[in-house]
Amino acid sequence: MAIVTERADKAMTAPESQERFQTLVDGHKKILYKVCNSYCRSRDDREDLAQEIIVQMWQSFDSFDKRYQFSTWMYRIALNVAISFYRRENTRSRHILSDELHMLKAVDEAANQNPEMLSLYELIERLEPLNKALVLLYLDGNSHLEIADVLGISVTNVATKIGRLKESMKQEYRGATRA
């Protein structure tokens, strides 16, 4: 069975393709913000990462298979680029700036008023890149099948990892609130 892409379905001119791409990205820009805020501490790094993600998405847009949700495709590219960016930045600088805002605070302004949300974001911030991506997708309401598709792991592996992460985060949260 051949993969049907946007281009094979209907030949689009460059301006039509650009407009379609921009419309889809605008409709899902929260994904971009969440991923960038999850993997970068500084504003400049978030902007650089967002730019890298958009460039990679545009370069791959011809291969977007419209049988799948755009958000799933966008997450897959965004997380792959973010993890690579994170690794590259992490090897460049091993120092964490304590005075920087914590990652997801900018995404959810309510976090500034909710100590429980701040604690959750701090727990997420300390996770390894793959686990951070897993939690981000899970909290965004994606099914185990969608998460598996984005991360390239099995549905069973997703369920197992989520269960383990929930348990370890619960224990860590309890320990933090007792201290």
C-alpha atoms as a PDB file:
ATOM      1  CA  MET A   1       0.000   0.000   0.000  1.00  0.00           C
ATOM      2  CA  ALA A   2       1.499   3.320  -1.044  1.00  0.00           C
ATOM      3  CA  ILE A   3       1.642   6.187   1.403  1.00  0.00           C
ATOM      4  CA  VAL A   4      -0.653   8.990   0.324  1.00  0.00           C
ATOM      5  CA  THR A   5       0.886  12.360   1.046  1.00  0.00           C
ATOM      6  CA  GLU A   6      -0.532  15.836   0.835  1.00  0.00           C
ATOM      7  CA  ARG A   7       1.321  16.401  -2.450  1.00  0.00           C
ATOM      8  CA  ALA A   8       0.180  13.140  -4.059  1.00  0.00           C
ATOM      9  CA  ASP A   9      -3.394  13.923  -3.129  1.00  0.00           C
ATOM     10  CA  LYS A  10      -3.466  17.360  -4.756  1.00  0.00           C
ATOM     11  CA  ALA A  11      -0.671  19.229  -6.418  1.00  0.00           C
ATOM     12  CA  MET A  12      -0.257  22.486  -4.510  1.00  0.00           C
ATOM     13  CA  THR A  13       1.657  25.529  -5.567  1.00  0.00           C
ATOM     14  CA  ALA A  14       4.440  26.792  -3.318  1.00  0.00           C
ATOM     15  CA  PRO A  15       2.305  29.645  -1.897  1.00  0.00           C
ATOM     16  CA  GLU A  16      -0.592  27.226  -1.223  1.00  0.00           C
ATOM     17  CA  SER A  17       1.770  24.808   0.487  1.00  0.00           C
ATOM     18  CA  GLN A  18       3.288  27.604   2.582  1.00  0.00           C
ATOM     19  CA  GLU A  19      -0.159  28.849   3.564  1.00  0.00           C
ATOM     20  CA  ARG A  20      -1.342  25.337   4.504  1.00  0.00           C
ATOM     21  CA  PHE A  21       1.824  24.787   6.535  1.00  0.00           C
ATOM     22  CA  GLN A  22       1.473  28.125   8.332  1.00  0.00           C
ATOM     23  CA  THR A  23      -2.197  27.458   9.111  1.00  0.00           C
ATOM     24  CA  LEU A  24      -1.405  24.031  10.572  1.00  0.00           C
ATOM     25  CA  VAL A  25       1.526  25.321  12.633  1.00  0.00           C
ATOM     26  CA  ASP A  26      -0.527  28.264  13.926  1.00  0.00           C
ATOM     27  CA  GLY A  27      -3.293  25.870  14.946  1.00  0.00           C
ATOM     28  CA  HIS A  28      -0.860  23.735  16.921  1.00  0.00           C
ATOM     29  CA  LYS A  29       1.621  26.333  18.205  1.00  0.00           C
ATOM     30  CA  LYS A  30       1.016  25.289  21.814  1.00  0.00           C
ATOM     31  CA  ILE A  31       2.877  22.072  21.024  1.00  0.00           C
ATOM     32  CA  LEU A  32       5.834  24.143  19.906  1.00  0.00           C
ATOM     33  CA  TYR A  33       5.739  26.248  23.093  1.00  0.00           C
ATOM     34  CA  LYS A  34       5.444  23.199  25.352  1.00  0.00           C
ATOM     35  CA  VAL A  35       8.334  21.375  23.746  1.00  0.00           C
ATOM     36  CA  CYS A  36      10.596  24.437  23.665  1.00  0.00           C
ATOM     37  CA  ASN A  37       9.800  25.353  27.261  1.00  0.00           C
ATOM     38  CA  SER A  38      10.380  21.768  28.364  1.00  0.00           C
ATOM     39  CA  TYR A  39      13.836  21.463  26.861  1.00  0.00           C
ATOM     40  CA  CYS A  40      15.290  24.976  27.165  1.00  0.00           C
ATOM     41  CA  ARG A  41      15.805  27.289  30.090  1.00  0.00           C
ATOM     42  CA  SER A  42      16.726  30.550  28.433  1.00  0.00           C
ATOM     43  CA  ARG A  43      14.539  32.590  26.142  1.00  0.00           C
ATOM     44  CA  ASP A  44      17.223  32.666  23.457  1.00  0.00           C
ATOM     45  CA  ASP A  45      17.553  28.880  23.503  1.00  0.00           C
ATOM     46  CA  ARG A  46      13.757  28.487  23.285  1.00  0.00           C
ATOM     47  CA  GLU A  47      13.680  30.798  20.272  1.00  0.00           C
ATOM     48  CA  ASP A  48      16.567  28.942  18.611  1.00  0.00           C
ATOM     49  CA  LEU A  49      14.904  25.591  19.226  1.00  0.00           C
ATOM     50  CA  ALA A  50      11.542  26.812  17.916  1.00  0.00           C
ATOM     51  CA  GLN A  51      13.247  28.023  14.775  1.00  0.00           C
ATOM     52  CA  GLU A  52      15.049  24.692  14.312  1.00  0.00           C
ATOM     53  CA  ILE A  53      11.797  22.786  14.780  1.00  0.00           C
ATOM     54  CA  ILE A  54       9.917  24.914  12.260  1.00  0.00           C
ATOM     55  CA  VAL A  55      12.720  24.607   9.702  1.00  0.00           C
ATOM     56  CA  GLN A  56      12.782  20.824  10.128  1.00  0.00           C
ATOM     57  CA  MET A  57       8.988  20.639   9.875  1.00  0.00           C
ATOM     58  CA  TRP A  58       8.992  22.741   6.702  1.00  0.00           C
ATOM     59  CA  GLN A  59      11.715  20.592   5.147  1.00  0.00           C
ATOM     60  CA  SER A  60       9.659  17.487   5.943  1.00  0.00           C
ATOM     61  CA  PHE A  61       6.238  18.928   5.091  1.00  0.00           C
ATOM     62  CA  ASP A  62       6.117  17.283   1.673  1.00  0.00           C
ATOM     63  CA  SER A  63       6.252  13.898   3.389  1.00  0.00           C
ATOM     64  CA  PHE A  64       3.434  14.660   5.860  1.00  0.00           C
ATOM     65  CA  ASP A  65       0.951  11.809   5.568  1.00  0.00           C
ATOM     66  CA  LYS A  66      -2.473  13.355   6.084  1.00  0.00           C
ATOM     67  CA  ARG A  67      -3.924  10.023   7.206  1.00  0.00           C
ATOM     68  CA  TYR A  68      -2.333  10.897  10.547  1.00  0.00           C
ATOM     69  CA  GLN A  69      -3.031  13.836  12.797  1.00  0.00           C
ATOM     70  CA  PHE A  70      -0.833  16.857  12.183  1.00  0.00           C
ATOM     71  CA  SER A  71      -0.276  17.160  15.944  1.00  0.00           C
ATOM     72  CA  THR A  72       1.235  13.660  16.101  1.00  0.00           C
ATOM     73  CA  TRP A  73       3.568  14.441  13.210  1.00  0.00           C
ATOM     74  CA  MET A  74       4.476  17.801  14.754  1.00  0.00           C
ATOM     75  CA  TYR A  75       5.203  16.239  18.159  1.00  0.00           C
ATOM     76  CA  ARG A  76       7.422  13.608  16.561  1.00  0.00           C
ATOM     77  CA  ILE A  77       9.541  16.181  14.750  1.00  0.00           C
ATOM     78  CA  ALA A  78       9.536  18.698  17.610  1.00  0.00           C
ATOM     79  CA  LEU A  79      10.616  16.141  20.197  1.00  0.00           C
ATOM     80  CA  ASN A  80      13.317  14.640  17.989  1.00  0.00           C
ATOM     81  CA  VAL A  81      14.758  18.088  17.255  1.00  0.00           C
ATOM     82  CA  ALA A  82      14.414  19.122  20.927  1.00  0.00           C
ATOM     83  CA  ILE A  83      16.179  16.038  22.237  1.00  0.00           C
ATOM     84  CA  SER A  84      19.041  16.552  19.777  1.00  0.00           C
ATOM     85  CA  PHE A  85      19.181  20.260  20.675  1.00  0.00           C
ATOM     86  CA  TYR A  86      19.118  19.419  24.400  1.00  0.00           C
ATOM     87  CA  ARG A  87      21.963  16.927  24.051  1.00  0.00           C
ATOM     88  CA  ARG A  88      24.005  19.374  22.005  1.00  0.00           C
ATOM     89  CA  GLU A  89      23.435  22.201  24.488  1.00  0.00           C
ATOM     90  CA  ASN A  90      24.003  19.920  27.444  1.00  0.00           C
ATOM     91  CA  THR A  91      27.430  18.904  26.179  1.00  0.00           C
ATOM     92  CA  ARG A  92      28.295  22.558  25.548  1.00  0.00           C
ATOM     93  CA  SER A  93      27.314  23.706  28.977  1.00  0.00           C
ATOM     94  CA  ARG A  94      26.961  21.513  32.052  1.00  0.00           C
ATOM     95  CA  HIS A  95      26.026  24.435  34.306  1.00  0.00           C
ATOM     96  CA  ILE A  96      22.423  25.101  35.217  1.00  0.00           C
ATOM     97  CA  LEU A  97      21.440  28.719  35.736  1.00  0.00           C
ATOM     98  CA  SER A  98      19.521  28.830  38.992  1.00  0.00           C
ATOM     99  CA  ASP A  99      18.084  32.284  38.372  1.00  0.00           C
ATOM    100  CA  GLU A 100      16.384  31.253  35.096  1.00  0.00           C
ATOM    101  CA  LEU A 101      12.662  30.626  35.087  1.00  0.00           C
ATOM    102  CA  HIS A 102      11.779  26.960  35.295  1.00  0.00           C
ATOM    103  CA  MET A 103      10.734  25.415  32.006  1.00  0.00           C
ATOM    104  CA  LEU A 104       6.957  25.019  31.739  1.00  0.00           C
ATOM    105  CA  LYS A 105       6.036  28.107  33.790  1.00  0.00           C
ATOM    106  CA  ALA A 106       5.744  30.216  30.660  1.00  0.00           C
ATOM    107  CA  VAL A 107       3.329  27.692  29.144  1.00  0.00           C
ATOM    108  CA  ASP A 108       0.874  27.734  32.013  1.00  0.00           C
ATOM    109  CA  GLU A 109       0.510  31.108  33.701  1.00  0.00           C
ATOM    110  CA  ALA A 110      -1.703  29.506  36.331  1.00  0.00           C
ATOM    111  CA  ALA A 111       1.389  27.724  37.613  1.00  0.00           C
ATOM    112  CA  ASN A 112       2.608  30.995  39.083  1.00  0.00           C
ATOM    113  CA  GLN A 113      -0.418  30.979  41.361  1.00  0.00           C
ATOM    114  CA  ASN A 114      -0.556  27.249  42.089  1.00  0.00           C
ATOM    115  CA  PRO A 115       2.229  25.739  44.234  1.00  0.00           C
ATOM    116  CA  GLU A 116       1.188  22.200  43.267  1.00  0.00           C
ATOM    117  CA  MET A 117       1.664  23.017  39.568  1.00  0.00           C
ATOM    118  CA  LEU A 118       5.066  24.526  40.314  1.00  0.00           C
ATOM    119  CA  SER A 119       6.072  21.330  42.112  1.00  0.00           C
ATOM    120  CA  LEU A 120       4.880  19.221  39.186  1.00  0.00           C
ATOM    121  CA  TYR A 121       6.843  21.345  36.713  1.00  0.00           C
ATOM    122  CA  GLU A 122       9.958  21.092  38.870  1.00  0.00           C
ATOM    123  CA  LEU A 123       9.616  17.291  38.924  1.00  0.00           C
ATOM    124  CA  ILE A 124       9.165  17.186  35.146  1.00  0.00           C
ATOM    125  CA  GLU A 125      12.152  19.454  34.636  1.00  0.00           C
ATOM    126  CA  ARG A 126      14.464  16.952  36.324  1.00  0.00           C
ATOM    127  CA  LEU A 127      13.435  14.044  34.085  1.00  0.00           C
ATOM    128  CA  GLU A 128      15.616  12.593  31.344  1.00  0.00           C
ATOM    129  CA  PRO A 129      14.709  13.825  27.826  1.00  0.00           C
ATOM    130  CA  LEU A 130      12.718  10.726  26.775  1.00  0.00           C
ATOM    131  CA  ASN A 131      10.777  10.618  30.049  1.00  0.00           C
ATOM    132  CA  LYS A 132      10.146  14.358  29.829  1.00  0.00           C
ATOM    133  CA  ALA A 133       8.721  13.865  26.326  1.00  0.00           C
ATOM    134  CA  LEU A 134       6.592  10.976  27.556  1.00  0.00           C
ATOM    135  CA  VAL A 135       5.125  13.001  30.430  1.00  0.00           C
ATOM    136  CA  LEU A 136       4.578  16.022  28.189  1.00  0.00           C
ATOM    137  CA  LEU A 137       2.616  13.930  25.679  1.00  0.00           C
ATOM    138  CA  TYR A 138       0.677  12.174  28.447  1.00  0.00           C
ATOM    139  CA  LEU A 139      -0.286  15.424  30.180  1.00  0.00           C
ATOM    140  CA  ASP A 140      -1.383  16.824  26.832  1.00  0.00           C
ATOM    141  CA  GLY A 141      -4.026  14.076  26.674  1.00  0.00           C
ATOM    142  CA  ASN A 142      -2.480  11.878  23.981  1.00  0.00           C
ATOM    143  CA  SER A 143      -3.433   8.205  23.969  1.00  0.00           C
ATOM    144  CA  HIS A 144      -0.836   5.514  24.594  1.00  0.00           C
ATOM    145  CA  LEU A 145      -1.017   4.650  20.902  1.00  0.00           C
ATOM    146  CA  GLU A 146      -0.343   8.271  19.870  1.00  0.00           C
ATOM    147  CA  ILE A 147       2.539   8.529  22.353  1.00  0.00           C
ATOM    148  CA  ALA A 148       4.011   5.269  21.062  1.00  0.00           C
ATOM    149  CA  ASP A 149       3.757   6.550  17.507  1.00  0.00           C
ATOM    150  CA  VAL A 150       5.455   9.859  18.326  1.00  0.00           C
ATOM    151  CA  LEU A 151       8.263   8.342  20.400  1.00  0.00           C
ATOM    152  CA  GLY A 152       8.757   5.216  18.310  1.00  0.00           C
ATOM    153  CA  ILE A 153       8.248   2.781  21.184  1.00  0.00           C
ATOM    154  CA  SER A 154       5.599   0.110  21.785  1.00  0.00           C
ATOM    155  CA  VAL A 155       2.240   0.848  23.413  1.00  0.00           C
ATOM    156  CA  THR A 156       3.143  -1.606  26.182  1.00  0.00           C
ATOM    157  CA  ASN A 157       6.391   0.247  26.779  1.00  0.00           C
ATOM    158  CA  VAL A 158       4.477   3.541  26.974  1.00  0.00           C
ATOM    159  CA  ALA A 159       2.073   2.110  29.555  1.00  0.00           C
ATOM    160  CA  THR A 160       4.908   0.647  31.614  1.00  0.00           C
ATOM    161  CA  LYS A 161       6.980   3.830  31.529  1.00  0.00           C
ATOM    162  CA  ILE A 162       3.983   6.016  32.424  1.00  0.00           C
ATOM    163  CA  GLY A 163       3.139   3.764  35.360  1.00  0.00           C
ATOM    164  CA  ARG A 164       6.707   3.866  36.636  1.00  0.00           C
ATOM    165  CA  LEU A 165       6.996   7.620  36.124  1.00  0.00           C
ATOM    166  CA  LYS A 166       3.731   8.256  37.965  1.00  0.00           C
ATOM    167  CA  GLU A 167       4.905   6.177  40.902  1.00  0.00           C
ATOM    168  CA  SER A 168       8.374   7.725  41.104  1.00  0.00           C
ATOM    169  CA  MET A 169       6.989  11.253  40.698  1.00  0.00           C
ATOM    170  CA  LYS A 170       4.390  10.566  43.411  1.00  0.00           C
ATOM    171  CA  GLN A 171       7.102   9.420  45.801  1.00  0.00           C
ATOM    172  CA  GLU A 172       9.327  12.359  44.936  1.00  0.00           C
ATOM    173  CA  TYR A 173       6.407  14.787  45.382  1.00  0.00           C
ATOM    174  CA  ARG A 174       5.541  13.302  48.778  1.00  0.00           C
ATOM    175  CA  GLY A 175       9.176  13.586  49.837  1.00  0.00           C
ATOM    176  CA  ALA A 176       9.323  17.219  48.721  1.00  0.00           C
ATOM    177  CA  THR A 177       6.137  18.202  50.570  1.00  0.00           C
ATOM    178  CA  ARG A 178       7.315  16.561  53.808  1.00  0.00           C
ATOM    179  CA  ALA A 179      10.631  18.393  53.778  1.00  0.00           C
END
